[in-house]
Amino acid sequence: MLAVVITVMSLTQGLSPDQQLARDVFAELIAINTTHEHGNATPAAEAMARRLLAAGFPAADVQVLGPATGNHNLVARLRGTGKRRPILLLAHLDVVEARREDWSLDPFTLTEKDGFFYGRGTSDIKDMAALFVATLVRLKREGFVPDRDIILALTAGEESGGDYNGVQWLLQNHRDLIDAVYCINGDSGDPLLRDGKRFARNVEASEKVYMSLGLEVRNPGGHSSLPTPRNAIYELAAALTRVGGYTFPLRLNEITRTYFTRVAGTMPAAQAADVRGVLQSPPDAAAAARLSAASTFFNAQLRTTCVATRVEAGHADNALPQTARAVVNCRLLPDERPADVVAAIRGVIGNDSVTLWVKDSAVPSPPSPLVPEVMGALERVTSAMWPGVPVIPNMETGATDGLYLRNAGMPVYGVSGVFLDADDIRAHGRDERIGVRAYYEGADFTYRFVKALTGGR
């Protein structure tokens, strides 16, 4: 352990005390294996609790809690004057699996190399967990008294592999600890750069709704030497081909319309013209088709999507298949009716021999209103730090823990402080990394943004 500490310290010369704090917290979090397969989030929650207690937080305001199965969560509170209702800062501690043999360096050691920080969770999302902790420690040391309580929740189970979800558990068992007027979720709203140039300060105010469909075809089967006209694999394949060829209608909502309106100014002229074509009424179908073909992200912003993700069939190499099954995963626009999506897929398949059912019910995730309190603070801090970079509301195409809070009546705004390279997103992948400069700028941004939201003295 001593050798590791010496190595880390030798790389941190010239940092300000606040930057050193942000780096130390980050290194500590990366070094703790919080995967579901081989790790545990509890040691990470306890480590961050120790830092807050050492900074002067009362023990009653720093709690590590969760079910008996482990993978506990940290909930902490910086007390304010109570002039306004509290806000919640949210990030998850768990990460997806990372095997040493798959990486070119140790995924559970924060490594600085060629201007990047490497390690599992550097971008998803231990960077923001570390920056939230560093911000609260810094505010506490400065004696800052906000005009509202600042609640921090660092949770387990977000990466779909744990025994439970930390945000759900807290809502069900300790809602009072995290109840707030709104949440700032560090797990979305990534600001983006390309070729070293910052071009978008995103804020996630909406997210798509997750729903998986099961498809199944059953046949009597038989010996493979005596093929029959009916074959479960062929029927299922034909159904999936039809699903793959179907495009849901284009439909914009408040968030995506605002997104395309603001992002147009960051695009090349031809692509910006296509965006303006999509924004007109009625939308230009050819422009929409070009945008969808140019970017899977744009396509996902414009419509509901459904895609085959799993297939299994047959029971022996020398037997006709008796059963063929598939999973089609759908990401619905927030205002899309799940029943309409099921009906559309059923109609596209057009074969009563294919049984279709909903594997997991869609949970609506209402958009969060673009309130001046949040947007104004975000625009002021962004303008001060990165003049000319537009603040752009967007819709998350995946899913975050914001889903549970929105359904519990709490607006959620995804705001990460660390700029990511739009052409080098490595979350969940090999040699995950973020820029060193981007991280330290993110520390400054997070501190300024939290202060802008909480006034105080």
Protein backbone atom coordinates (compact mmCIF):
# COMPACT_ATOMS: atom_id res chain seq x y z
CA MET A 1 0.00 0.00 0.00
CA LEU A 2 2.86 2.38 0.85
CA ALA A 3 4.35 1.97 -2.62
CA VAL A 4 1.01 2.87 -4.19
CA VAL A 5 0.71 6.01 -2.07
CA ILE A 6 4.23 7.12 -3.00
CA THR A 7 3.45 6.57 -6.68
CA VAL A 8 0.27 8.63 -6.48
CA MET A 9 1.89 11.47 -4.55
CA SER A 10 4.77 11.69 -7.00
CA LEU A 11 2.34 12.50 -9.78
CA THR A 12 0.48 15.28 -7.98
CA GLN A 13 3.08 18.01 -7.67
CA GLY A 14 1.79 21.49 -8.40
CA LEU A 15 -1.84 20.83 -7.54
CA SER A 16 -3.80 23.26 -5.43
CA PRO A 17 -5.09 21.90 -2.08
CA ASP A 18 -8.60 21.64 -3.56
CA GLN A 19 -7.33 19.75 -6.60
CA GLN A 20 -5.29 17.46 -4.37
CA LEU A 21 -8.38 16.71 -2.32
CA ALA A 22 -10.38 15.91 -5.46
CA ARG A 23 -7.62 13.62 -6.70
CA ASP A 24 -7.18 11.81 -3.38
CA VAL A 25 -10.90 11.10 -3.08
CA PHE A 26 -10.99 9.90 -6.70
CA ALA A 27 -7.99 7.59 -6.22
CA GLU A 28 -9.52 6.10 -3.08
CA LEU A 29 -12.82 5.36 -4.80
CA ILE A 30 -11.24 3.83 -7.92
CA ALA A 31 -9.10 1.53 -5.72
CA ILE A 32 -12.19 -0.01 -4.10
CA ASN A 33 -13.70 -2.80 -6.19
CA THR A 34 -17.44 -2.07 -6.21
CA THR A 35 -18.48 -4.54 -8.90
CA HIS A 36 -21.35 -6.85 -8.04
CA GLU A 37 -19.40 -9.91 -9.18
CA HIS A 38 -16.27 -9.50 -7.05
CA GLY A 39 -16.68 -6.35 -4.99
CA ASN A 40 -18.93 -4.44 -2.63
CA ALA A 41 -20.12 -0.83 -2.46
CA THR A 42 -20.11 -0.77 1.35
CA PRO A 43 -16.35 -0.14 1.77
CA ALA A 44 -16.62 2.78 -0.65
CA ALA A 45 -19.58 4.24 1.24
CA GLU A 46 -17.68 3.85 4.52
CA ALA A 47 -14.54 5.45 3.09
CA MET A 48 -16.47 8.51 1.93
CA ALA A 49 -18.25 8.69 5.29
CA ARG A 50 -14.87 8.80 7.06
CA ARG A 51 -13.81 11.73 4.90
CA LEU A 52 -16.96 13.69 5.70
CA LEU A 53 -16.67 12.96 9.42
CA ALA A 54 -13.01 14.05 9.39
CA ALA A 55 -14.10 17.32 7.76
CA GLY A 56 -16.40 18.05 10.70
CA PHE A 57 -19.78 16.64 9.66
CA PRO A 58 -21.75 15.46 12.72
CA ALA A 59 -22.11 11.68 12.94
CA ALA A 60 -25.90 12.04 12.88
CA ASP A 61 -25.66 13.64 9.43
CA VAL A 62 -23.49 10.90 7.85
CA GLN A 63 -25.15 7.51 7.52
CA VAL A 64 -24.10 4.28 5.79
CA LEU A 65 -27.18 2.13 5.42
CA GLY A 66 -28.83 -0.55 3.35
CA PRO A 67 -30.35 -4.02 3.54
CA ALA A 68 -28.73 -6.96 5.30
CA THR A 69 -27.43 -8.25 1.95
CA GLY A 70 -24.72 -5.55 1.94
CA ASN A 71 -23.74 -3.09 -0.80
CA HIS A 72 -24.79 -0.20 1.39
CA ASN A 73 -25.38 3.45 0.51
CA LEU A 74 -24.04 6.69 1.93
CA VAL A 75 -26.43 9.51 2.78
CA ALA A 76 -24.97 12.74 4.18
CA ARG A 77 -26.35 16.20 4.84
CA LEU A 78 -24.71 19.62 4.99
CA ARG A 79 -27.10 21.65 7.12
CA GLY A 80 -28.29 25.04 5.90
CA THR A 81 -30.52 27.80 7.19
CA GLY A 82 -33.70 26.13 5.96
CA LYS A 83 -34.75 29.16 3.96
CA ARG A 84 -35.45 26.86 1.01
CA ARG A 85 -36.13 23.15 0.68
CA PRO A 86 -33.13 20.80 0.38
CA ILE A 87 -31.54 19.63 -2.86
CA LEU A 88 -30.17 16.14 -3.48
CA LEU A 89 -26.81 15.32 -5.11
CA LEU A 90 -26.80 11.78 -6.50
CA ALA A 91 -24.16 9.41 -7.88
CA HIS A 92 -23.76 5.64 -7.73
CA LEU A 93 -20.77 3.81 -6.28
CA ASP A 94 -21.09 0.48 -8.08
CA VAL A 95 -19.33 -0.18 -11.39
CA VAL A 96 -19.50 -2.86 -14.07
CA GLU A 97 -17.00 -5.71 -14.09
CA ALA A 98 -13.43 -5.06 -15.27
CA ARG A 99 -10.98 -7.94 -15.67
CA ARG A 100 -7.27 -7.21 -15.40
CA GLU A 101 -6.48 -9.40 -18.40
CA ASP A 102 -8.80 -7.31 -20.59
CA TRP A 103 -7.16 -4.00 -19.69
CA SER A 104 -3.74 -2.61 -20.54
CA LEU A 105 -3.39 -1.43 -16.90
CA ASP A 106 -4.91 -2.18 -13.51
CA PRO A 107 -8.60 -1.13 -13.64
CA PHE A 108 -8.70 -0.64 -9.88
CA THR A 109 -5.80 1.78 -9.61
CA LEU A 110 -6.17 5.42 -10.63
CA THR A 111 -3.46 5.84 -13.25
CA GLU A 112 -2.49 9.14 -14.82
CA LYS A 113 -1.03 8.70 -18.29
CA ASP A 114 -0.71 10.99 -21.32
CA GLY A 115 -3.19 13.51 -19.94
CA PHE A 116 -5.84 10.97 -18.90
CA PHE A 117 -7.03 9.32 -15.70
CA TYR A 118 -7.58 5.59 -16.26
CA GLY A 119 -9.60 3.21 -14.09
CA ARG A 120 -12.95 1.46 -13.85
CA GLY A 121 -15.54 4.06 -12.94
CA THR A 122 -13.52 7.09 -14.02
CA SER A 123 -16.42 8.18 -16.21
CA ASP A 124 -19.25 6.02 -14.82
CA ILE A 125 -19.46 7.44 -12.31
CA LYS A 126 -16.90 7.60 -9.56
CA ASP A 127 -15.65 10.92 -10.94
CA MET A 128 -18.84 12.65 -9.89
CA ALA A 129 -19.11 10.69 -6.63
CA ALA A 130 -15.62 11.95 -5.79
CA LEU A 131 -16.38 15.53 -6.85
CA PHE A 132 -19.57 15.67 -4.80
CA VAL A 133 -17.67 14.47 -1.72
CA ALA A 134 -14.78 16.88 -2.37
CA THR A 135 -17.25 19.75 -2.80
CA LEU A 136 -19.00 19.05 0.51
CA VAL A 137 -15.68 18.71 2.33
CA ARG A 138 -14.51 21.98 0.83
CA LEU A 139 -17.73 23.81 1.76
CA LYS A 140 -17.60 22.46 5.30
CA ARG A 141 -13.98 23.51 5.77
CA GLU A 142 -14.78 27.00 4.48
CA GLY A 143 -17.62 27.36 6.97
CA PHE A 144 -20.15 27.86 4.15
CA VAL A 145 -23.75 27.89 5.40
CA PRO A 146 -26.15 27.28 2.49
CA ASP A 147 -29.67 28.64 2.49
CA ARG A 148 -30.95 25.06 2.19
CA ASP A 149 -29.70 21.63 3.22
CA ILE A 150 -27.47 19.86 0.70
CA ILE A 151 -28.06 16.10 0.73
CA LEU A 152 -25.59 13.68 -0.81
CA ALA A 153 -26.60 10.12 -1.75
CA LEU A 154 -23.96 7.72 -3.07
CA THR A 155 -25.79 4.53 -3.86
CA ALA A 156 -25.40 0.88 -4.84
CA GLY A 157 -27.13 -1.31 -7.38
CA GLU A 158 -27.45 1.07 -10.32
CA GLU A 159 -25.51 -1.09 -12.77
CA SER A 160 -28.21 -3.81 -12.96
CA GLY A 161 -26.44 -6.67 -11.28
CA GLY A 162 -26.97 -6.11 -7.59
CA ASP A 163 -29.60 -7.65 -5.33
CA TYR A 164 -31.44 -4.35 -5.09
CA ASN A 165 -31.33 -0.74 -6.21
CA GLY A 166 -30.10 1.76 -3.64
CA VAL A 167 -32.32 4.65 -4.71
CA GLN A 168 -35.42 2.45 -4.68
CA TRP A 169 -34.47 1.12 -1.24
CA LEU A 170 -33.95 4.58 0.19
CA LEU A 171 -37.26 5.79 -1.21
CA GLN A 172 -39.08 2.83 0.28
CA ASN A 173 -37.32 2.76 3.66
CA HIS A 174 -35.83 6.21 4.35
CA ARG A 175 -37.58 8.70 2.10
CA ASP A 176 -37.10 11.40 4.74
CA LEU A 177 -33.31 11.18 4.41
CA ILE A 178 -33.26 12.02 0.72
CA ASP A 179 -36.45 14.05 0.28
CA ALA A 180 -35.64 17.19 -1.71
CA VAL A 181 -37.19 19.76 -4.01
CA TYR A 182 -35.10 18.33 -6.87
CA CYS A 183 -32.09 16.14 -7.57
CA ILE A 184 -28.83 16.88 -9.39
CA ASN A 185 -27.81 13.51 -10.85
CA GLY A 186 -24.13 13.23 -11.73
CA ASP A 187 -24.82 10.14 -13.84
CA SER A 188 -26.07 11.98 -16.91
CA GLY A 189 -25.90 15.31 -18.68
CA ASP A 190 -22.29 14.87 -19.77
CA PRO A 191 -20.71 18.00 -21.26
CA LEU A 192 -19.01 17.17 -24.55
CA LEU A 193 -15.93 18.15 -26.52
CA ARG A 194 -14.54 17.10 -29.88
CA ASP A 195 -10.97 17.61 -31.11
CA GLY A 196 -10.26 19.40 -27.86
CA LYS A 197 -13.06 21.94 -28.38
CA ARG A 198 -15.97 22.11 -25.94
CA PHE A 199 -19.24 22.35 -27.82
CA ALA A 200 -22.11 21.37 -25.49
CA ARG A 201 -22.89 21.71 -21.79
CA ASN A 202 -25.71 19.16 -21.59
CA VAL A 203 -28.32 18.89 -18.86
CA GLU A 204 -30.50 15.77 -18.84
CA ALA A 205 -34.11 16.68 -18.06
CA SER A 206 -35.82 13.60 -19.44
CA GLU A 207 -35.11 9.96 -20.13
CA LYS A 208 -36.54 7.20 -22.21
CA VAL A 209 -38.60 4.42 -20.67
CA TYR A 210 -37.26 0.85 -20.65
CA MET A 211 -39.46 -2.06 -21.77
CA SER A 212 -38.51 -5.54 -23.00
CA LEU A 213 -40.76 -7.78 -25.07
CA GLY A 214 -40.57 -11.56 -25.30
CA LEU A 215 -41.20 -13.35 -28.61
CA GLU A 216 -41.74 -17.09 -28.91
CA VAL A 217 -42.56 -19.57 -31.65
CA ARG A 218 -43.45 -23.22 -30.91
CA ASN A 219 -43.50 -26.10 -33.41
CA PRO A 220 -43.98 -29.87 -32.98
CA GLY A 221 -40.35 -30.47 -33.99
CA GLY A 222 -39.08 -33.73 -35.42
CA HIS A 223 -36.00 -35.26 -36.99
CA SER A 224 -33.70 -32.87 -38.85
CA SER A 225 -33.47 -35.34 -41.76
CA LEU A 226 -37.15 -34.68 -42.48
CA PRO A 227 -37.56 -30.89 -42.69
CA THR A 228 -41.10 -29.50 -42.61
CA PRO A 229 -42.46 -26.24 -44.06
CA ARG A 230 -42.91 -24.88 -40.52
CA ASN A 231 -39.71 -24.15 -38.62
CA ALA A 232 -39.67 -22.18 -35.35
CA ILE A 233 -36.28 -20.62 -36.06
CA TYR A 234 -37.27 -19.43 -39.52
CA GLU A 235 -40.56 -18.01 -38.28
CA LEU A 236 -38.87 -16.17 -35.43
CA ALA A 237 -36.13 -14.90 -37.74
CA ALA A 238 -38.73 -13.57 -40.15
CA ALA A 239 -40.52 -11.80 -37.30
CA LEU A 240 -37.28 -10.22 -36.07
CA THR A 241 -36.38 -9.11 -39.58
CA ARG A 242 -39.70 -7.29 -39.83
CA VAL A 243 -39.14 -5.66 -36.44
CA GLY A 244 -35.66 -4.60 -37.53
CA GLY A 245 -37.07 -2.98 -40.64
CA TYR A 246 -39.67 -0.94 -38.79
CA THR A 247 -39.06 2.69 -37.82
CA PHE A 248 -41.29 4.34 -35.24
CA PRO A 249 -42.74 7.73 -36.19
CA LEU A 250 -40.75 10.87 -35.45
CA ARG A 251 -42.06 12.82 -32.49
CA LEU A 252 -40.45 15.68 -30.56
CA ASN A 253 -41.25 16.73 -27.01
CA GLU A 254 -40.33 19.86 -25.04
CA ILE A 255 -36.89 18.54 -24.11
CA THR A 256 -35.88 17.14 -27.51
CA ARG A 257 -37.23 20.19 -29.36
CA THR A 258 -35.14 22.43 -27.10
CA TYR A 259 -32.16 20.13 -27.56
CA PHE A 260 -32.25 20.26 -31.36
CA THR A 261 -32.92 24.00 -31.35
CA ARG A 262 -29.80 24.69 -29.30
CA VAL A 263 -27.52 22.01 -30.72
CA ALA A 264 -28.01 23.23 -34.29
CA GLY A 265 -25.58 26.07 -33.68
CA THR A 266 -22.78 23.61 -32.89
CA MET A 267 -23.19 21.58 -36.11
CA PRO A 268 -21.80 21.77 -39.64
CA ALA A 269 -24.02 23.76 -42.00
CA ALA A 270 -25.60 20.80 -43.81
CA GLN A 271 -26.46 18.97 -40.60
CA ALA A 272 -27.79 22.16 -39.02
CA ALA A 273 -30.08 22.57 -42.04
CA ASP A 274 -31.42 19.06 -41.45
CA VAL A 275 -32.08 19.92 -37.82
CA ARG A 276 -34.06 22.97 -38.87
CA GLY A 277 -35.98 20.72 -41.25
CA VAL A 278 -36.89 18.40 -38.39
CA LEU A 279 -38.01 21.33 -36.25
CA GLN A 280 -40.40 22.73 -38.84
CA SER A 281 -44.08 21.77 -38.94
CA PRO A 282 -44.64 19.30 -40.41
CA PRO A 283 -41.11 17.86 -40.05
CA ASP A 284 -39.07 17.28 -43.21
CA ALA A 285 -39.03 13.48 -43.53
CA ALA A 286 -35.92 13.44 -45.71
CA ALA A 287 -34.02 15.61 -43.22
CA ALA A 288 -35.08 13.33 -40.38
CA ALA A 289 -33.90 10.29 -42.32
CA ARG A 290 -30.49 11.87 -42.92
CA LEU A 291 -30.08 12.79 -39.25
CA SER A 292 -31.08 9.30 -38.16
CA ALA A 293 -28.62 7.72 -40.58
CA ALA A 294 -25.82 10.06 -39.50
CA SER A 295 -26.10 9.36 -35.77
CA THR A 296 -27.66 6.61 -33.68
CA PHE A 297 -27.96 9.21 -30.91
CA PHE A 298 -29.97 11.56 -33.10
CA ASN A 299 -32.16 8.66 -34.21
CA ALA A 300 -32.82 7.72 -30.57
CA GLN A 301 -33.71 11.33 -29.74
CA LEU A 302 -36.28 11.47 -32.52
CA ARG A 303 -38.35 8.37 -31.81
CA THR A 304 -39.08 5.27 -29.80
CA THR A 305 -36.74 2.41 -30.72
CA CYS A 306 -37.03 -1.37 -30.42
CA VAL A 307 -34.17 -3.78 -31.15
CA ALA A 308 -33.55 -7.53 -30.83
CA THR A 309 -31.00 -8.22 -28.09
CA ARG A 310 -31.23 -11.96 -27.36
CA VAL A 311 -32.11 -15.15 -29.25
CA GLU A 312 -32.24 -18.83 -28.22
CA ALA A 313 -33.67 -21.78 -30.11
CA GLY A 314 -33.60 -25.53 -30.57
CA HIS A 315 -32.66 -28.41 -28.29
CA ALA A 316 -30.38 -30.65 -30.39
CA ASP A 317 -28.16 -30.45 -33.47
CA ASN A 318 -30.14 -33.20 -35.21
CA ALA A 319 -33.66 -32.14 -34.29
CA LEU A 320 -36.10 -29.64 -35.73
CA PRO A 321 -36.56 -26.79 -33.24
CA GLN A 322 -39.60 -27.06 -31.02
CA THR A 323 -39.11 -23.58 -29.54
CA ALA A 324 -37.44 -20.36 -30.61
CA ARG A 325 -37.37 -17.31 -28.36
CA ALA A 326 -36.07 -13.74 -28.56
CA VAL A 327 -35.98 -10.55 -26.53
CA VAL A 328 -36.72 -7.20 -28.14
CA ASN A 329 -35.67 -4.28 -26.00
CA CYS A 330 -37.59 -1.02 -26.45
CA ARG A 331 -36.73 2.49 -25.29
CA LEU A 332 -39.91 4.54 -25.30
CA LEU A 333 -40.27 8.28 -25.55
CA PRO A 334 -41.40 9.53 -22.13
CA ASP A 335 -44.94 10.24 -23.36
CA GLU A 336 -45.28 7.04 -25.41
CA ARG A 337 -48.02 4.62 -24.35
CA PRO A 338 -46.54 1.14 -23.79
CA ALA A 339 -49.71 -0.49 -25.12
CA ASP A 340 -49.29 1.40 -28.39
CA VAL A 341 -45.72 0.12 -28.77
CA VAL A 342 -46.80 -3.46 -28.14
CA ALA A 343 -49.60 -3.09 -30.67
CA ALA A 344 -47.21 -1.61 -33.24
CA ILE A 345 -44.73 -4.49 -32.88
CA ARG A 346 -47.52 -7.04 -33.03
CA GLY A 347 -48.82 -5.45 -36.21
CA VAL A 348 -45.36 -5.35 -37.79
CA ILE A 349 -44.82 -9.05 -37.08
CA GLY A 350 -48.19 -9.92 -38.55
CA ASN A 351 -48.02 -13.60 -37.59
CA ASP A 352 -50.30 -15.11 -34.95
CA SER A 353 -47.89 -18.02 -34.56
CA VAL A 354 -45.46 -15.64 -32.85
CA THR A 355 -46.46 -15.17 -29.22
CA LEU A 356 -45.63 -11.71 -27.90
CA TRP A 357 -45.62 -10.60 -24.26
CA VAL A 358 -44.21 -7.84 -22.05
CA LYS A 359 -41.28 -9.17 -20.01
CA ASP A 360 -40.92 -6.17 -17.71
CA SER A 361 -43.51 -3.46 -17.48
CA ALA A 362 -42.56 0.02 -18.60
CA VAL A 363 -42.28 2.52 -15.75
CA PRO A 364 -43.11 6.04 -16.94
CA SER A 365 -40.47 8.72 -16.32
CA PRO A 366 -42.05 12.18 -16.64
CA PRO A 367 -39.80 14.97 -17.96
CA SER A 368 -38.52 17.48 -15.43
CA PRO A 369 -39.50 21.12 -16.02
CA LEU A 370 -36.69 23.42 -17.12
CA VAL A 371 -36.98 25.69 -14.09
CA PRO A 372 -35.04 29.01 -14.01
CA GLU A 373 -33.51 28.16 -10.62
CA VAL A 374 -31.54 25.27 -12.11
CA MET A 375 -31.10 26.45 -15.68
CA GLY A 376 -30.10 29.96 -14.63
CA ALA A 377 -27.42 28.73 -12.22
CA LEU A 378 -26.12 26.28 -14.80
CA GLU A 379 -25.93 28.93 -17.51
CA ARG A 380 -24.17 31.45 -15.24
CA VAL A 381 -21.48 29.02 -14.11
CA THR A 382 -21.01 27.64 -17.63
CA SER A 383 -20.68 31.12 -19.12
CA ALA A 384 -18.11 32.10 -16.50
CA MET A 385 -15.98 28.99 -17.00
CA TRP A 386 -16.45 28.28 -20.71
CA PRO A 387 -17.74 31.38 -22.54
CA GLY A 388 -19.75 30.57 -25.64
CA VAL A 389 -20.47 26.93 -24.77
CA PRO A 390 -24.27 26.48 -24.96
CA VAL A 391 -26.32 24.83 -22.21
CA ILE A 392 -28.39 22.17 -23.97
CA PRO A 393 -31.23 20.19 -22.34
CA ASN A 394 -31.30 16.60 -23.58
CA MET A 395 -33.16 13.33 -23.19
CA GLU A 396 -31.20 10.35 -21.87
CA THR A 397 -31.56 7.44 -24.30
CA GLY A 398 -30.52 4.87 -21.71
CA ALA A 399 -31.65 4.78 -18.10
CA THR A 400 -30.48 6.19 -14.76
CA ASP A 401 -31.61 6.14 -11.16
CA GLY A 402 -33.39 9.39 -11.91
CA LEU A 403 -36.26 7.18 -13.08
CA TYR A 404 -37.17 6.21 -9.51
CA LEU A 405 -36.98 9.75 -8.19
CA ARG A 406 -39.07 11.20 -11.01
CA ASN A 407 -41.74 8.59 -10.35
CA ALA A 408 -41.63 9.51 -6.68
CA GLY A 409 -42.45 13.11 -7.63
CA MET A 410 -38.95 14.59 -7.49
CA PRO A 411 -37.65 16.45 -10.58
CA VAL A 412 -34.19 15.29 -11.68
CA TYR A 413 -31.55 17.19 -13.63
CA GLY A 414 -28.57 15.25 -14.95
CA VAL A 415 -25.49 17.44 -14.64
CA SER A 416 -22.01 15.96 -14.81
CA GLY A 417 -19.11 18.33 -14.33
CA VAL A 418 -16.52 16.48 -16.43
CA PHE A 419 -16.25 17.06 -20.19
CA LEU A 420 -16.06 13.84 -22.21
CA ASP A 421 -14.72 13.37 -25.71
CA ALA A 422 -17.78 12.69 -27.85
CA ASP A 423 -15.73 10.34 -30.02
CA ASP A 424 -14.08 8.45 -27.14
CA ILE A 425 -16.75 7.35 -24.69
CA ARG A 426 -15.35 4.37 -22.74
CA ALA A 427 -17.87 3.80 -19.97
CA HIS A 428 -18.33 0.05 -19.35
CA GLY A 429 -15.46 -0.64 -21.75
CA ARG A 430 -11.76 -1.43 -21.80
CA ASP A 431 -9.33 1.20 -20.46
CA GLU A 432 -12.08 3.55 -19.29
CA ARG A 433 -10.70 7.07 -18.93
CA ILE A 434 -11.36 10.79 -18.60
CA GLY A 435 -9.14 13.81 -19.19
CA VAL A 436 -7.03 14.99 -16.26
CA ARG A 437 -7.68 18.65 -17.06
CA ALA A 438 -11.39 17.90 -17.52
CA TYR A 439 -11.53 16.32 -14.07
CA TYR A 440 -9.95 19.26 -12.29
CA GLU A 441 -12.16 21.69 -14.21
CA GLY A 442 -15.08 19.47 -13.17
CA ALA A 443 -14.07 19.90 -9.54
CA ASP A 444 -14.19 23.68 -9.89
CA PHE A 445 -17.47 23.54 -11.83
CA THR A 446 -19.17 21.27 -9.29
CA TYR A 447 -18.13 23.51 -6.40
CA ARG A 448 -19.37 26.65 -8.17
CA PHE A 449 -22.62 25.05 -9.35
CA VAL A 450 -23.55 23.69 -5.93
CA LYS A 451 -22.88 27.10 -4.36
CA ALA A 452 -24.97 28.78 -7.08
CA LEU A 453 -27.89 26.49 -6.24
CA THR A 454 -27.65 26.99 -2.50
CA GLY A 455 -26.91 30.69 -1.92
CA GLY A 456 -25.90 31.02 1.72
CA ARG A 457 -22.97 32.80 3.24
